[in-house]
């Protein structure tokens, strides 16, 4: 059986638990509802509020980033050769080899 971290009846350690004034999901949802605001505006407010917990501010910054810069995705690369054949290249080496095999026009 694992050893208990705290014995029943002992007081909580100082500075344990949630800090006073830290917002929770209900507080944030109420803030959005009362302003009838865009979620991006609320995220910006959370990020710029120095009273907020640093973890909440960091998550807000990460969420704001999605509005500014789109997520990168892989893009399928295709090439149509001189005969009109649609070719799919899996690596850059095969593209280079094909391009070197083509005589200069």
PDB file of N, CA and C in Angstrom:
ATOM      1  N   UNK A   1       0.849  -1.179   0.000  1.00  0.00           N
ATOM      2  CA  UNK A   1       0.000   0.000   0.000  1.00  0.00           C
ATOM      3  C   UNK A   1       0.896   1.243   0.000  1.00  0.00           C
ATOM      4  N   UNK A   2       0.602   2.241  -0.852  1.00  0.00           N
ATOM      5  CA  UNK A   2       1.448   3.428  -0.918  1.00  0.00           C
ATOM      6  C   UNK A   2       1.348   4.252   0.360  1.00  0.00           C
ATOM      7  N   UNK A   3       2.454   4.899   0.684  1.00  0.00           N
ATOM      8  CA  UNK A   3       2.498   5.745   1.873  1.00  0.00           C
ATOM      9  C   UNK A   3       1.698   7.025   1.619  1.00  0.00           C
ATOM     10  N   UNK A   4       0.890   7.418   2.607  1.00  0.00           N
ATOM     11  CA  UNK A   4       0.100   8.636   2.468  1.00  0.00           C
ATOM     12  C   UNK A   4       0.996   9.854   2.613  1.00  0.00           C
ATOM     13  N   UNK A   5       0.752  10.864   1.766  1.00  0.00           N
ATOM     14  CA  UNK A   5       1.539  12.085   1.854  1.00  0.00           C
ATOM     15  C   UNK A   5       1.178  12.890   3.096  1.00  0.00           C
ATOM     16  N   UNK A   6      -0.086  12.939   3.410  1.00  0.00           N
ATOM     17  CA  UNK A   6      -0.544  13.699   4.563  1.00  0.00           C
ATOM     18  C   UNK A   6      -1.327  12.777   5.489  1.00  0.00           C
ATOM     19  N   UNK A   7      -1.026  12.855   6.733  1.00  0.00           N
ATOM     20  CA  UNK A   7      -1.742  12.055   7.721  1.00  0.00           C
ATOM     21  C   UNK A   7      -3.038  12.769   8.082  1.00  0.00           C
ATOM     22  N   UNK A   8      -4.121  12.021   8.264  1.00  0.00           N
ATOM     23  CA  UNK A   8      -5.379  12.650   8.659  1.00  0.00           C
ATOM     24  C   UNK A   8      -5.216  13.426   9.963  1.00  0.00           C
ATOM     25  N   UNK A   9      -5.802  14.625   9.975  1.00  0.00           N
ATOM     26  CA  UNK A   9      -5.758  15.457  11.170  1.00  0.00           C
ATOM     27  C   UNK A   9      -4.623  16.461  11.191  1.00  0.00           C
ATOM     28  N   UNK A  10      -3.684  16.352  10.264  1.00  0.00           N
ATOM     29  CA  UNK A  10      -2.599  17.340  10.230  1.00  0.00           C
ATOM     30  C   UNK A  10      -3.034  18.534   9.391  1.00  0.00           C
ATOM     31  N   UNK A  11      -2.578  19.741   9.745  1.00  0.00           N
ATOM     32  CA  UNK A  11      -2.992  20.935   8.986  1.00  0.00           C
ATOM     33  C   UNK A  11      -2.363  20.954   7.590  1.00  0.00           C
ATOM     34  N   UNK A  12      -3.001  21.718   6.682  1.00  0.00           N
ATOM     35  CA  UNK A  12      -2.480  21.866   5.327  1.00  0.00           C
ATOM     36  C   UNK A  12      -1.149  22.622   5.365  1.00  0.00           C
ATOM     37  N   UNK A  13      -0.255  22.317   4.469  1.00  0.00           N
ATOM     38  CA  UNK A  13       0.992  23.095   4.389  1.00  0.00           C
ATOM     39  C   UNK A  13       0.687  24.529   3.955  1.00  0.00           C
ATOM     40  N   UNK A  14       1.487  25.490   4.374  1.00  0.00           N
ATOM     41  CA  UNK A  14       1.248  26.871   3.952  1.00  0.00           C
ATOM     42  C   UNK A  14       1.385  27.019   2.438  1.00  0.00           C
ATOM     43  N   UNK A  15       0.620  27.932   1.877  1.00  0.00           N
ATOM     44  CA  UNK A  15       0.597  28.237   0.437  1.00  0.00           C
ATOM     45  C   UNK A  15       0.147  27.057  -0.419  1.00  0.00           C
ATOM     46  N   UNK A  16      -0.623  26.142   0.136  1.00  0.00           N
ATOM     47  CA  UNK A  16      -1.137  25.044  -0.668  1.00  0.00           C
ATOM     48  C   UNK A  16      -2.521  25.398  -1.192  1.00  0.00           C
ATOM     49  N   UNK A  17      -2.916  24.742  -2.250  1.00  0.00           N
ATOM     50  CA  UNK A  17      -4.241  24.977  -2.826  1.00  0.00           C
ATOM     51  C   UNK A  17      -4.244  26.113  -3.821  1.00  0.00           C
ATOM     52  N   UNK A  18      -5.452  26.437  -4.300  1.00  0.00           N
ATOM     53  CA  UNK A  18      -5.610  27.491  -5.299  1.00  0.00           C
ATOM     54  C   UNK A  18      -5.424  28.847  -4.649  1.00  0.00           C
ATOM     55  N   UNK A  19      -4.728  29.736  -5.322  1.00  0.00           N
ATOM     56  CA  UNK A  19      -4.476  31.075  -4.795  1.00  0.00           C
ATOM     57  C   UNK A  19      -5.753  31.914  -4.833  1.00  0.00           C
ATOM     58  N   UNK A  20      -5.884  32.792  -3.881  1.00  0.00           N
ATOM     59  CA  UNK A  20      -7.068  33.641  -3.777  1.00  0.00           C
ATOM     60  C   UNK A  20      -7.154  34.554  -5.004  1.00  0.00           C
ATOM     61  N   UNK A  21      -8.354  34.624  -5.591  1.00  0.00           N
ATOM     62  CA  UNK A  21      -8.584  35.492  -6.736  1.00  0.00           C
ATOM     63  C   UNK A  21      -8.320  34.845  -8.080  1.00  0.00           C
ATOM     64  N   UNK A  22      -7.836  33.614  -8.096  1.00  0.00           N
ATOM     65  CA  UNK A  22      -7.590  32.923  -9.362  1.00  0.00           C
ATOM     66  C   UNK A  22      -8.922  32.533  -9.981  1.00  0.00           C
ATOM     67  N   UNK A  23      -9.093  32.880 -11.248  1.00  0.00           N
ATOM     68  CA  UNK A  23     -10.348  32.577 -11.923  1.00  0.00           C
ATOM     69  C   UNK A  23     -10.477  31.102 -12.254  1.00  0.00           C
ATOM     70  N   UNK A  24     -11.705  30.621 -12.295  1.00  0.00           N
ATOM     71  CA  UNK A  24     -11.962  29.244 -12.712  1.00  0.00           C
ATOM     72  C   UNK A  24     -12.828  29.288 -13.972  1.00  0.00           C
ATOM     73  N   UNK A  25     -13.287  28.144 -14.447  1.00  0.00           N
ATOM     74  CA  UNK A  25     -14.064  28.107 -15.688  1.00  0.00           C
ATOM     75  C   UNK A  25     -15.344  28.935 -15.585  1.00  0.00           C
ATOM     76  N   UNK A  26     -15.996  28.875 -14.430  1.00  0.00           N
ATOM     77  CA  UNK A  26     -17.244  29.621 -14.263  1.00  0.00           C
ATOM     78  C   UNK A  26     -16.988  31.128 -14.307  1.00  0.00           C
ATOM     79  N   UNK A  27     -15.898  31.581 -13.697  1.00  0.00           N
ATOM     80  CA  UNK A  27     -15.566  33.001 -13.693  1.00  0.00           C
ATOM     81  C   UNK A  27     -15.283  33.489 -15.112  1.00  0.00           C
ATOM     82  N   UNK A  28     -14.543  32.713 -15.854  1.00  0.00           N
ATOM     83  CA  UNK A  28     -14.211  33.099 -17.226  1.00  0.00           C
ATOM     84  C   UNK A  28     -15.455  33.092 -18.103  1.00  0.00           C
ATOM     85  N   UNK A  29     -16.319  32.086 -17.938  1.00  0.00           N
ATOM     86  CA  UNK A  29     -17.561  32.026 -18.712  1.00  0.00           C
ATOM     87  C   UNK A  29     -18.462  33.214 -18.381  1.00  0.00           C
ATOM     88  N   UNK A  30     -18.510  33.605 -17.109  1.00  0.00           N
ATOM     89  CA  UNK A  30     -19.313  34.768 -16.711  1.00  0.00           C
ATOM     90  C   UNK A  30     -18.749  36.044 -17.330  1.00  0.00           C
ATOM     91  N   UNK A  31     -17.444  36.142 -17.391  1.00  0.00           N
ATOM     92  CA  UNK A  31     -16.801  37.310 -17.990  1.00  0.00           C
ATOM     93  C   UNK A  31     -17.172  37.431 -19.471  1.00  0.00           C
ATOM     94  N   UNK A  32     -17.207  36.318 -20.172  1.00  0.00           N
ATOM     95  CA  UNK A  32     -17.585  36.315 -21.590  1.00  0.00           C
ATOM     96  C   UNK A  32     -19.055  36.701 -21.740  1.00  0.00           C
ATOM     97  N   UNK A  33     -19.919  36.134 -20.894  1.00  0.00           N
ATOM     98  CA  UNK A  33     -21.359  36.385 -20.998  1.00  0.00           C
ATOM     99  C   UNK A  33     -21.708  37.841 -20.697  1.00  0.00           C
ATOM    100  N   UNK A  34     -21.075  38.428 -19.694  1.00  0.00           N
ATOM    101  CA  UNK A  34     -21.430  39.813 -19.328  1.00  0.00           C
ATOM    102  C   UNK A  34     -20.969  40.822 -20.366  1.00  0.00           C
ATOM    103  N   UNK A  35     -19.904  40.517 -21.060  1.00  0.00           N
ATOM    104  CA  UNK A  35     -19.410  41.432 -22.089  1.00  0.00           C
ATOM    105  C   UNK A  35     -20.025  41.176 -23.447  1.00  0.00           C
ATOM    106  N   UNK A  36     -20.567  39.978 -23.625  1.00  0.00           N
ATOM    107  CA  UNK A  36     -21.019  39.550 -24.948  1.00  0.00           C
ATOM    108  C   UNK A  36     -19.885  39.775 -25.945  1.00  0.00           C
ATOM    109  N   UNK A  37     -18.699  39.355 -25.530  1.00  0.00           N
ATOM    110  CA  UNK A  37     -17.483  39.667 -26.262  1.00  0.00           C
ATOM    111  C   UNK A  37     -17.036  38.513 -27.141  1.00  0.00           C
ATOM    112  N   UNK A  38     -16.144  38.846 -28.033  1.00  0.00           N
ATOM    113  CA  UNK A  38     -15.482  37.861 -28.869  1.00  0.00           C
ATOM    114  C   UNK A  38     -14.505  37.082 -27.987  1.00  0.00           C
ATOM    115  N   UNK A  39     -14.442  35.764 -28.100  1.00  0.00           N
ATOM    116  CA  UNK A  39     -13.512  34.995 -27.269  1.00  0.00           C
ATOM    117  C   UNK A  39     -12.054  35.440 -27.418  1.00  0.00           C
ATOM    118  N   UNK A  40     -11.679  35.918 -28.585  1.00  0.00           N
ATOM    119  CA  UNK A  40     -10.304  36.392 -28.763  1.00  0.00           C
ATOM    120  C   UNK A  40     -10.037  37.604 -27.880  1.00  0.00           C
ATOM    121  N   UNK A  41     -11.039  38.491 -27.729  1.00  0.00           N
ATOM    122  CA  UNK A  41     -10.876  39.654 -26.856  1.00  0.00           C
ATOM    123  C   UNK A  41     -10.706  39.230 -25.403  1.00  0.00           C
ATOM    124  N   UNK A  42     -11.460  38.228 -24.991  1.00  0.00           N
ATOM    125  CA  UNK A  42     -11.356  37.738 -23.619  1.00  0.00           C
ATOM    126  C   UNK A  42      -9.980  37.116 -23.394  1.00  0.00           C
ATOM    127  N   UNK A  43      -9.493  36.360 -24.373  1.00  0.00           N
ATOM    128  CA  UNK A  43      -8.166  35.770 -24.250  1.00  0.00           C
ATOM    129  C   UNK A  43      -7.092  36.847 -24.140  1.00  0.00           C
ATOM    130  N   UNK A  44      -7.242  37.899 -24.909  1.00  0.00           N
ATOM    131  CA  UNK A  44      -6.280  39.007 -24.841  1.00  0.00           C
ATOM    132  C   UNK A  44      -6.331  39.659 -23.469  1.00  0.00           C
ATOM    133  N   UNK A  45      -7.535  39.843 -22.920  1.00  0.00           N
ATOM    134  CA  UNK A  45      -7.654  40.405 -21.575  1.00  0.00           C
ATOM    135  C   UNK A  45      -7.006  39.509 -20.526  1.00  0.00           C
ATOM    136  N   UNK A  46      -7.229  38.197 -20.651  1.00  0.00           N
ATOM    137  CA  UNK A  46      -6.622  37.260 -19.702  1.00  0.00           C
ATOM    138  C   UNK A  46      -5.102  37.313 -19.792  1.00  0.00           C
ATOM    139  N   UNK A  47      -4.590  37.356 -21.005  1.00  0.00           N
ATOM    140  CA  UNK A  47      -3.145  37.374 -21.194  1.00  0.00           C
ATOM    141  C   UNK A  47      -2.530  38.645 -20.630  1.00  0.00           C
ATOM    142  N   UNK A  48      -3.196  39.768 -20.793  1.00  0.00           N
ATOM    143  CA  UNK A  48      -2.608  41.045 -20.396  1.00  0.00           C
ATOM    144  C   UNK A  48      -2.866  41.401 -18.936  1.00  0.00           C
ATOM    145  N   UNK A  49      -3.649  40.605 -18.202  1.00  0.00           N
ATOM    146  CA  UNK A  49      -3.949  40.892 -16.797  1.00  0.00           C
ATOM    147  C   UNK A  49      -2.842  40.332 -15.903  1.00  0.00           C
ATOM    148  N   UNK A  50      -2.027  41.200 -15.266  1.00  0.00           N
ATOM    149  CA  UNK A  50      -0.926  40.694 -14.435  1.00  0.00           C
ATOM    150  C   UNK A  50      -1.398  39.984 -13.164  1.00  0.00           C
ATOM    151  N   UNK A  51      -2.665  40.147 -12.793  1.00  0.00           N
ATOM    152  CA  UNK A  51      -3.189  39.485 -11.588  1.00  0.00           C
ATOM    153  C   UNK A  51      -3.515  38.014 -11.827  1.00  0.00           C
ATOM    154  N   UNK A  52      -3.665  37.621 -13.102  1.00  0.00           N
ATOM    155  CA  UNK A  52      -3.997  36.236 -13.426  1.00  0.00           C
ATOM    156  C   UNK A  52      -2.799  35.325 -13.167  1.00  0.00           C
ATOM    157  N   UNK A  53      -3.108  34.075 -12.917  1.00  0.00           N
ATOM    158  CA  UNK A  53      -2.089  33.054 -12.715  1.00  0.00           C
ATOM    159  C   UNK A  53      -1.257  32.918 -13.998  1.00  0.00           C
ATOM    160  N   UNK A  54       0.045  32.674 -13.853  1.00  0.00           N
ATOM    161  CA  UNK A  54       0.916  32.596 -15.027  1.00  0.00           C
ATOM    162  C   UNK A  54       0.530  31.436 -15.944  1.00  0.00           C
ATOM    163  N   UNK A  55      -0.004  30.341 -15.392  1.00  0.00           N
ATOM    164  CA  UNK A  55      -0.439  29.225 -16.221  1.00  0.00           C
ATOM    165  C   UNK A  55      -1.604  29.601 -17.116  1.00  0.00           C
ATOM    166  N   UNK A  56      -2.556  30.358 -16.577  1.00  0.00           N
ATOM    167  CA  UNK A  56      -3.705  30.810 -17.362  1.00  0.00           C
ATOM    168  C   UNK A  56      -3.238  31.794 -18.435  1.00  0.00           C
ATOM    169  N   UNK A  57      -2.317  32.682 -18.073  1.00  0.00           N
ATOM    170  CA  UNK A  57      -1.816  33.652 -19.041  1.00  0.00           C
ATOM    171  C   UNK A  57      -1.075  32.953 -20.185  1.00  0.00           C
ATOM    172  N   UNK A  58      -0.323  31.909 -19.855  1.00  0.00           N
ATOM    173  CA  UNK A  58       0.398  31.173 -20.879  1.00  0.00           C
ATOM    174  C   UNK A  58      -0.558  30.443 -21.818  1.00  0.00           C
ATOM    175  N   UNK A  59      -1.593  29.824 -21.269  1.00  0.00           N
ATOM    176  CA  UNK A  59      -2.580  29.131 -22.115  1.00  0.00           C
ATOM    177  C   UNK A  59      -3.337  30.122 -22.991  1.00  0.00           C
ATOM    178  N   UNK A  60      -3.656  31.312 -22.433  1.00  0.00           N
ATOM    179  CA  UNK A  60      -4.340  32.333 -23.224  1.00  0.00           C
ATOM    180  C   UNK A  60      -3.459  32.789 -24.379  1.00  0.00           C
ATOM    181  N   UNK A  61      -2.163  32.959 -24.125  1.00  0.00           N
ATOM    182  CA  UNK A  61      -1.235  33.364 -25.188  1.00  0.00           C
ATOM    183  C   UNK A  61      -1.177  32.306 -26.285  1.00  0.00           C
ATOM    184  N   UNK A  62      -1.172  31.037 -25.895  1.00  0.00           N
ATOM    185  CA  UNK A  62      -1.130  29.962 -26.883  1.00  0.00           C
ATOM    186  C   UNK A  62      -2.406  29.935 -27.717  1.00  0.00           C
ATOM    187  N   UNK A  63      -3.535  30.200 -27.102  1.00  0.00           N
ATOM    188  CA  UNK A  63      -4.797  30.216 -27.841  1.00  0.00           C
ATOM    189  C   UNK A  63      -4.888  31.438 -28.759  1.00  0.00           C
ATOM    190  N   UNK A  64      -4.387  32.584 -28.306  1.00  0.00           N
ATOM    191  CA  UNK A  64      -4.395  33.791 -29.138  1.00  0.00           C
ATOM    192  C   UNK A  64      -3.551  33.563 -30.390  1.00  0.00           C
ATOM    193  N   UNK A  65      -2.456  32.842 -30.219  1.00  0.00           N
ATOM    194  CA  UNK A  65      -1.547  32.589 -31.328  1.00  0.00           C
ATOM    195  C   UNK A  65      -2.253  31.933 -32.507  1.00  0.00           C
ATOM    196  N   UNK A  66      -3.255  31.095 -32.243  1.00  0.00           N
ATOM    197  CA  UNK A  66      -3.986  30.436 -33.323  1.00  0.00           C
ATOM    198  C   UNK A  66      -4.788  31.426 -34.164  1.00  0.00           C
ATOM    199  N   UNK A  67      -5.183  32.562 -33.573  1.00  0.00           N
ATOM    200  CA  UNK A  67      -5.904  33.576 -34.330  1.00  0.00           C
ATOM    201  C   UNK A  67      -4.952  34.395 -35.193  1.00  0.00           C
ATOM    202  N   UNK A  68      -3.685  34.466 -34.786  1.00  0.00           N
ATOM    203  CA  UNK A  68      -2.712  35.299 -35.489  1.00  0.00           C
ATOM    204  C   UNK A  68      -2.005  34.511 -36.583  1.00  0.00           C
ATOM    205  N   UNK A  69      -1.499  33.321 -36.219  1.00  0.00           N
ATOM    206  CA  UNK A  69      -0.761  32.482 -37.159  1.00  0.00           C
ATOM    207  C   UNK A  69      -1.469  31.141 -37.302  1.00  0.00           C
ATOM    208  N   UNK A  70      -1.793  30.741 -38.522  1.00  0.00           N
ATOM    209  CA  UNK A  70      -2.445  29.436 -38.700  1.00  0.00           C
ATOM    210  C   UNK A  70      -1.480  28.303 -38.372  1.00  0.00           C
ATOM    211  N   UNK A  71      -2.044  27.166 -37.996  1.00  0.00           N
ATOM    212  CA  UNK A  71      -1.222  25.992 -37.720  1.00  0.00           C
ATOM    213  C   UNK A  71      -0.634  25.483 -39.028  1.00  0.00           C
ATOM    214  N   UNK A  72       0.590  25.003 -38.955  1.00  0.00           N
ATOM    215  CA  UNK A  72       1.232  24.473 -40.147  1.00  0.00           C
ATOM    216  C   UNK A  72       0.741  23.053 -40.392  1.00  0.00           C
ATOM    217  N   UNK A  73       0.526  22.741 -41.650  1.00  0.00           N
ATOM    218  CA  UNK A  73       0.093  21.411 -42.046  1.00  0.00           C
ATOM    219  C   UNK A  73       0.991  20.907 -43.152  1.00  0.00           C
ATOM    220  N   UNK A  74       1.040  19.625 -43.294  1.00  0.00           N
ATOM    221  CA  UNK A  74       1.809  19.082 -44.407  1.00  0.00           C
ATOM    222  C   UNK A  74       0.979  19.253 -45.682  1.00  0.00           C
ATOM    223  N   UNK A  75       1.654  19.558 -46.740  1.00  0.00           N
ATOM    224  CA  UNK A  75       0.997  19.773 -48.025  1.00  0.00           C
ATOM    225  C   UNK A  75       1.515  18.730 -49.000  1.00  0.00           C
ATOM    226  N   UNK A  76       0.611  18.069 -49.667  1.00  0.00           N
ATOM    227  CA  UNK A  76       1.007  17.056 -50.639  1.00  0.00           C
ATOM    228  C   UNK A  76       1.586  17.752 -51.859  1.00  0.00           C
ATOM    229  N   UNK A  77       2.783  17.336 -52.264  1.00  0.00           N
ATOM    230  CA  UNK A  77       3.446  17.930 -53.407  1.00  0.00           C
ATOM    231  C   UNK A  77       3.248  17.036 -54.627  1.00  0.00           C
ATOM    232  N   UNK A  78       2.804  17.627 -55.713  1.00  0.00           N
ATOM    233  CA  UNK A  78       2.630  16.883 -56.959  1.00  0.00           C
ATOM    234  C   UNK A  78       3.366  17.629 -58.065  1.00  0.00           C
ATOM    235  N   UNK A  79       3.722  16.897 -59.081  1.00  0.00           N
ATOM    236  CA  UNK A  79       4.462  17.461 -60.196  1.00  0.00           C
ATOM    237  C   UNK A  79       3.945  16.840 -61.479  1.00  0.00           C
ATOM    238  N   UNK A  80       3.709  17.662 -62.478  1.00  0.00           N
ATOM    239  CA  UNK A  80       3.291  17.156 -63.784  1.00  0.00           C
ATOM    240  C   UNK A  80       4.515  17.217 -64.688  1.00  0.00           C
ATOM    241  N   UNK A  81       4.939  16.056 -65.166  1.00  0.00           N
ATOM    242  CA  UNK A  81       6.143  16.019 -65.994  1.00  0.00           C
ATOM    243  C   UNK A  81       5.838  16.464 -67.421  1.00  0.00           C
ATOM    244  N   UNK A  82       6.855  16.451 -68.269  1.00  0.00           N
ATOM    245  CA  UNK A  82       6.725  16.935 -69.637  1.00  0.00           C
ATOM    246  C   UNK A  82       5.705  16.185 -70.473  1.00  0.00           C
ATOM    247  N   UNK A  83       5.400  14.947 -70.147  1.00  0.00           N
ATOM    248  CA  UNK A  83       4.411  14.162 -70.893  1.00  0.00           C
ATOM    249  C   UNK A  83       3.001  14.335 -70.330  1.00  0.00           C
ATOM    250  N   UNK A  84       2.834  15.161 -69.338  1.00  0.00           N
ATOM    251  CA  UNK A  84       1.515  15.374 -68.748  1.00  0.00           C
ATOM    252  C   UNK A  84       1.156  14.351 -67.688  1.00  0.00           C
ATOM    253  N   UNK A  85       2.125  13.554 -67.279  1.00  0.00           N
ATOM    254  CA  UNK A  85       1.873  12.568 -66.225  1.00  0.00           C
ATOM    255  C   UNK A  85       1.921  13.238 -64.852  1.00  0.00           C
ATOM    256  N   UNK A  86       0.929  12.958 -64.053  1.00  0.00           N
ATOM    257  CA  UNK A  86       0.878  13.497 -62.697  1.00  0.00           C
ATOM    258  C   UNK A  86       1.718  12.588 -61.804  1.00  0.00           C
ATOM    259  N   UNK A  87       2.775  13.141 -61.205  1.00  0.00           N
ATOM    260  CA  UNK A  87       3.674  12.339 -60.377  1.00  0.00           C
ATOM    261  C   UNK A  87       3.648  12.852 -58.946  1.00  0.00           C
ATOM    262  N   UNK A  88       3.713  11.928 -58.031  1.00  0.00           N
ATOM    263  CA  UNK A  88       3.790  12.292 -56.613  1.00  0.00           C
ATOM    264  C   UNK A  88       5.210  11.988 -56.140  1.00  0.00           C
ATOM    265  N   UNK A  89       5.835  12.972 -55.515  1.00  0.00           N
ATOM    266  CA  UNK A  89       7.211  12.812 -55.050  1.00  0.00           C
ATOM    267  C   UNK A  89       7.208  12.619 -53.547  1.00  0.00           C
ATOM    268  N   UNK A  90       7.944  11.634 -53.111  1.00  0.00           N
ATOM    269  CA  UNK A  90       8.008  11.353 -51.688  1.00  0.00           C
ATOM    270  C   UNK A  90       9.210  12.011 -51.032  1.00  0.00           C
ATOM    271  N   UNK A  91      10.232  12.325 -51.816  1.00  0.00           N
ATOM    272  CA  UNK A  91      11.407  12.968 -51.235  1.00  0.00           C
ATOM    273  C   UNK A  91      12.058  13.890 -52.253  1.00  0.00           C
ATOM    274  N   UNK A  92      12.897  14.780 -51.765  1.00  0.00           N
ATOM    275  CA  UNK A  92      13.548  15.768 -52.609  1.00  0.00           C
ATOM    276  C   UNK A  92      14.584  15.129 -53.522  1.00  0.00           C
ATOM    277  N   UNK A  93      15.205  14.053 -53.087  1.00  0.00           N
ATOM    278  CA  UNK A  93      16.230  13.392 -53.894  1.00  0.00           C
ATOM    279  C   UNK A  93      15.649  12.868 -55.208  1.00  0.00           C
ATOM    280  N   UNK A  94      14.446  12.304 -55.165  1.00  0.00           N
ATOM    281  CA  UNK A  94      13.846  11.785 -56.394  1.00  0.00           C
ATOM    282  C   UNK A  94      13.460  12.924 -57.335  1.00  0.00           C
ATOM    283  N   UNK A  95      13.081  14.060 -56.816  1.00  0.00           N
ATOM    284  CA  UNK A  95      12.769  15.221 -57.650  1.00  0.00           C
ATOM    285  C   UNK A  95      14.043  15.711 -58.337  1.00  0.00           C
ATOM    286  N   UNK A  96      15.131  15.817 -57.573  1.00  0.00           N
ATOM    287  CA  UNK A  96      16.394  16.278 -58.152  1.00  0.00           C
ATOM    288  C   UNK A  96      16.872  15.321 -59.246  1.00  0.00           C
ATOM    289  N   UNK A  97      16.772  14.031 -58.976  1.00  0.00           N
ATOM    290  CA  UNK A  97      17.205  13.037 -59.961  1.00  0.00           C
ATOM    291  C   UNK A  97      16.388  13.169 -61.245  1.00  0.00           C
ATOM    292  N   UNK A  98      15.101  13.380 -61.126  1.00  0.00           N
ATOM    293  CA  UNK A  98      14.249  13.531 -62.308  1.00  0.00           C
ATOM    294  C   UNK A  98      14.613  14.801 -63.065  1.00  0.00           C
ATOM    295  N   UNK A  99      14.831  15.898 -62.339  1.00  0.00           N
ATOM    296  CA  UNK A  99      15.143  17.172 -62.991  1.00  0.00           C
ATOM    297  C   UNK A  99      16.504  17.110 -63.705  1.00  0.00           C
ATOM    298  N   UNK A 100      17.460  16.377 -63.142  1.00  0.00           N
ATOM    299  CA  UNK A 100      18.771  16.277 -63.781  1.00  0.00           C
ATOM    300  C   UNK A 100      18.696  15.393 -65.025  1.00  0.00           C
ATOM    301  N   UNK A 101      17.758  14.476 -65.070  1.00  0.00           N
ATOM    302  CA  UNK A 101      17.633  13.589 -66.221  1.00  0.00           C
ATOM    303  C   UNK A 101      16.993  14.278 -67.423  1.00  0.00           C
ATOM    304  N   UNK A 102      16.344  15.416 -67.215  1.00  0.00           N
ATOM    305  CA  UNK A 102      15.685  16.143 -68.302  1.00  0.00           C
ATOM    306  C   UNK A 102      16.745  16.925 -69.065  1.00  0.00           C
ATOM    307  N   UNK A 103      16.816  16.751 -70.387  1.00  0.00           N
ATOM    308  CA  UNK A 103      17.806  17.534 -71.168  1.00  0.00           C
ATOM    309  C   UNK A 103      17.415  19.006 -71.191  1.00  0.00           C
ATOM    310  N   UNK A 104      18.423  19.872 -71.247  1.00  0.00           N
ATOM    311  CA  UNK A 104      18.148  21.320 -71.295  1.00  0.00           C
ATOM    312  C   UNK A 104      17.436  21.664 -72.602  1.00  0.00           C
ATOM    313  N   UNK A 105      16.475  22.523 -72.496  1.00  0.00           N
ATOM    314  CA  UNK A 105      15.706  22.905 -73.682  1.00  0.00           C
ATOM    315  C   UNK A 105      16.350  24.061 -74.399  1.00  0.00           C
TER     316      UNK A 105
END
